[in-house]
Amino acid sequence: MNPIFYKNIKTIRELKNLTREYVADSLAMSTSGYGKIERGEVDLTISKLILIAKVLEVDVDYIFKFNVSNFFK
């Protein structure tokens, strides 16, 4: 998977002022496990990606197409 995809997840989380702990808890996983997702150290399943999008309150395609400059429009 494109590494920018993982960075987008982290950036969206940070811009929404959500902690790694909050997202990890919402996904019923450890904070370190979620951190591996943001660093691109694990491959995401589609079901996990959908859950992350729900927690971040965005569509899945938004994560793929995310551009920080569009966030502020």
Protein backbone atom coordinates (compact mmCIF):
# COMPACT_ATOMS: atom_id res chain seq x y z
CA MET A 1 0.00 0.00 0.00
CA ASN A 2 1.11 3.55 -0.66
CA PRO A 3 2.92 4.88 2.43
CA ILE A 4 1.18 8.25 2.10
CA PHE A 5 -2.07 6.46 2.94
CA TYR A 6 -0.79 5.65 6.42
CA LYS A 7 0.49 9.18 6.90
CA ASN A 8 -2.93 10.49 5.91
CA ILE A 9 -4.56 8.49 8.69
CA LYS A 10 -2.18 10.04 11.21
CA THR A 11 -2.58 13.56 9.83
CA ILE A 12 -6.38 13.38 9.82
CA ARG A 13 -6.33 12.08 13.40
CA GLU A 14 -4.05 14.90 14.52
CA LEU A 15 -6.07 17.58 12.74
CA LYS A 16 -9.19 16.31 14.48
CA ASN A 17 -7.34 16.48 17.83
CA LEU A 18 -7.81 12.79 18.53
CA THR A 19 -5.21 10.88 20.49
CA ARG A 20 -3.75 7.57 19.41
CA GLU A 21 -5.14 6.13 22.62
CA TYR A 22 -8.68 7.27 21.77
CA VAL A 23 -8.57 5.80 18.27
CA ALA A 24 -6.98 2.57 19.48
CA ASP A 25 -9.63 2.19 22.20
CA SER A 26 -12.38 2.85 19.66
CA LEU A 27 -10.92 0.09 17.48
CA ALA A 28 -10.53 -2.28 20.45
CA MET A 29 -6.81 -2.60 19.89
CA SER A 30 -3.63 -1.61 21.68
CA THR A 31 -2.10 1.83 21.27
CA SER A 32 1.12 0.26 20.02
CA GLY A 33 -0.81 -1.80 17.47
CA TYR A 34 -2.56 1.30 16.20
CA GLY A 35 0.78 3.13 16.09
CA LYS A 36 2.07 0.43 13.75
CA ILE A 37 -0.81 1.23 11.39
CA GLU A 38 0.06 4.94 11.34
CA ARG A 39 3.71 4.11 10.68
CA GLY A 40 2.79 1.73 7.87
CA GLU A 41 4.36 -1.26 9.59
CA VAL A 42 1.30 -3.49 9.06
CA ASP A 43 -1.03 -4.14 6.17
CA LEU A 44 -4.57 -2.98 6.81
CA THR A 45 -7.59 -5.11 6.17
CA ILE A 46 -10.53 -3.47 4.48
CA SER A 47 -12.66 -4.01 7.56
CA LYS A 48 -10.07 -2.26 9.78
CA LEU A 49 -9.81 0.58 7.29
CA ILE A 50 -13.58 1.05 7.37
CA LEU A 51 -13.52 1.13 11.18
CA ILE A 52 -10.70 3.70 11.20
CA ALA A 53 -12.66 5.88 8.78
CA LYS A 54 -15.72 5.68 11.06
CA VAL A 55 -13.69 6.67 14.12
CA LEU A 56 -12.14 9.58 12.18
CA GLU A 57 -15.62 10.47 10.86
CA VAL A 58 -14.54 10.48 7.21
CA ASP A 59 -15.23 8.34 4.16
CA VAL A 60 -12.65 5.73 3.22
CA ASP A 61 -11.94 7.47 -0.08
CA TYR A 62 -11.21 10.69 1.84
CA ILE A 63 -8.27 8.93 3.49
CA PHE A 64 -6.87 7.94 0.09
CA LYS A 65 -7.39 11.38 -1.46
CA PHE A 66 -6.57 13.49 1.60
CA ASN A 67 -4.68 16.71 1.00
CA VAL A 68 -4.01 18.85 4.07
CA SER A 69 -4.68 22.08 2.15
CA ASN A 70 -8.22 20.89 1.43
CA PHE A 71 -8.84 20.31 5.14
CA PHE A 72 -8.83 24.04 5.80
CA LYS A 73 -11.20 25.01 2.99
